[in-house]
């Protein structure tokens, strides 16, 4: 059963993307066994919610990365930098416990320009 939450909520120019797991949106299955693979999938999921909310990576001001093991930081950073381009948004990375098989969860905060 899906969790009782919205994948993203937009209020005016602000779009909050819920924590995205490395799940295939079609099957709900975990994508990848490494933190690099899972980071890439979680970021693809973030991008999909951004797009659905009318935003792009350029609108993201903050990303929060939740890792199950701080030792995965370098591998996560490499995958992250291959997808998120400079100028990079602000970011917080914390160590958490996630369900078995999940190594990363990522959420985002975007602020869109208001049309004049």
Protein backbone atom coordinates (compact mmCIF):
# COMPACT_ATOMS: atom_id res chain seq x y z
CA UNK A 1 0.00 0.00 0.00
CA UNK A 2 1.42 3.40 -0.94
CA UNK A 3 2.35 5.83 1.83
CA UNK A 4 -0.22 8.56 2.60
CA UNK A 5 1.68 11.48 1.08
CA UNK A 6 1.98 13.65 -2.00
CA UNK A 7 5.08 13.21 -4.15
CA UNK A 8 5.28 16.98 -4.39
CA UNK A 9 3.32 19.95 -3.14
CA UNK A 10 3.41 23.36 -4.80
CA UNK A 11 2.26 26.50 -3.00
CA UNK A 12 2.76 29.54 -5.20
CA UNK A 13 6.38 29.56 -6.34
CA UNK A 14 7.50 26.94 -3.79
CA UNK A 15 7.61 23.24 -4.68
CA UNK A 16 8.50 20.70 -1.99
CA UNK A 17 9.40 17.29 -3.37
CA UNK A 18 8.85 14.44 -0.92
CA UNK A 19 11.71 12.08 -0.17
CA UNK A 20 12.30 10.01 -3.27
CA UNK A 21 13.52 6.45 -2.95
CA UNK A 22 15.43 4.55 -5.63
CA UNK A 23 12.28 2.82 -6.85
CA UNK A 24 11.22 2.19 -10.42
CA UNK A 25 7.98 4.18 -10.77
CA UNK A 26 6.48 1.50 -13.02
CA UNK A 27 7.21 -1.56 -10.87
CA UNK A 28 7.87 -0.15 -7.41
CA UNK A 29 11.03 -2.27 -7.27
CA UNK A 30 14.36 -1.02 -5.92
CA UNK A 31 16.71 0.01 -8.76
CA UNK A 32 20.35 -0.93 -8.20
CA UNK A 33 22.38 -2.56 -5.49
CA UNK A 34 25.01 0.19 -5.15
CA UNK A 35 24.63 3.64 -3.66
CA UNK A 36 25.62 5.14 -7.04
CA UNK A 37 22.82 3.29 -8.86
CA UNK A 38 20.31 4.09 -6.15
CA UNK A 39 21.34 7.76 -6.03
CA UNK A 40 20.87 8.06 -9.79
CA UNK A 41 17.38 6.53 -9.60
CA UNK A 42 16.33 8.66 -6.62
CA UNK A 43 17.49 11.77 -8.51
CA UNK A 44 15.58 10.68 -11.63
CA UNK A 45 12.50 10.39 -9.42
CA UNK A 46 13.13 13.86 -7.97
CA UNK A 47 13.45 15.23 -11.52
CA UNK A 48 10.13 13.65 -12.51
CA UNK A 49 8.34 15.31 -9.58
CA UNK A 50 10.04 18.63 -10.35
CA UNK A 51 8.85 18.41 -13.96
CA UNK A 52 5.30 17.50 -12.90
CA UNK A 53 5.31 20.58 -10.65
CA UNK A 54 6.56 22.87 -13.41
CA UNK A 55 10.14 23.10 -12.13
CA UNK A 56 13.61 22.12 -13.28
CA UNK A 57 16.93 21.47 -11.55
CA UNK A 58 17.69 25.19 -12.00
CA UNK A 59 14.82 25.98 -9.60
CA UNK A 60 16.12 23.72 -6.80
CA UNK A 61 17.52 25.67 -3.87
CA UNK A 62 17.95 22.77 -1.41
CA UNK A 63 18.44 19.02 -1.56
CA UNK A 64 18.46 16.72 1.44
CA UNK A 65 20.22 13.39 1.01
CA UNK A 66 19.61 10.60 3.50
CA UNK A 67 22.26 7.87 3.44
CA UNK A 68 22.21 4.63 5.41
CA UNK A 69 26.01 4.68 5.75
CA UNK A 70 28.24 7.78 5.91
CA UNK A 71 30.96 5.71 4.20
CA UNK A 72 28.86 5.98 1.00
CA UNK A 73 29.37 9.76 0.79
CA UNK A 74 32.07 9.72 -1.92
CA UNK A 75 30.18 7.27 -4.14
CA UNK A 76 26.94 9.21 -3.68
CA UNK A 77 28.73 12.50 -4.50
CA UNK A 78 30.08 11.04 -7.74
CA UNK A 79 26.62 9.91 -8.90
CA UNK A 80 25.07 13.17 -7.65
CA UNK A 81 27.53 15.33 -9.60
CA UNK A 82 26.82 13.39 -12.79
CA UNK A 83 23.16 14.45 -12.63
CA UNK A 84 22.93 17.71 -10.65
CA UNK A 85 24.82 20.47 -12.43
CA UNK A 86 26.59 23.55 -11.11
CA UNK A 87 25.70 25.92 -9.68
CA UNK A 88 24.76 23.30 -7.12
CA UNK A 89 21.84 23.83 -4.76
CA UNK A 90 22.44 23.93 -1.03
CA UNK A 91 22.51 20.43 0.42
CA UNK A 92 22.32 18.59 3.71
CA UNK A 93 23.41 14.97 3.97
CA UNK A 94 22.47 12.89 6.98
CA UNK A 95 22.83 9.29 8.04
CA UNK A 96 19.55 7.44 8.61
CA UNK A 97 18.02 4.01 8.81
CA UNK A 98 15.94 3.00 5.79
CA UNK A 99 14.12 -0.26 5.06
CA UNK A 100 16.32 -3.20 3.99
CA UNK A 101 17.80 -2.86 0.50
CA UNK A 102 17.45 0.95 0.41
CA UNK A 103 20.66 2.96 0.64
CA UNK A 104 19.50 6.52 -0.12
CA UNK A 105 16.50 8.85 -0.08
CA UNK A 106 16.52 12.38 -1.52
CA UNK A 107 14.08 15.28 -1.22
CA UNK A 108 14.18 18.72 -2.79
CA UNK A 109 12.90 22.24 -2.34
CA UNK A 110 12.42 24.33 -5.47
CA UNK A 111 11.47 27.99 -5.82
CA UNK A 112 10.08 28.95 -9.21
CA UNK A 113 10.12 32.37 -10.75
CA UNK A 114 6.78 34.12 -10.56
CA UNK A 115 5.67 35.39 -14.01
CA UNK A 116 5.53 39.18 -14.07
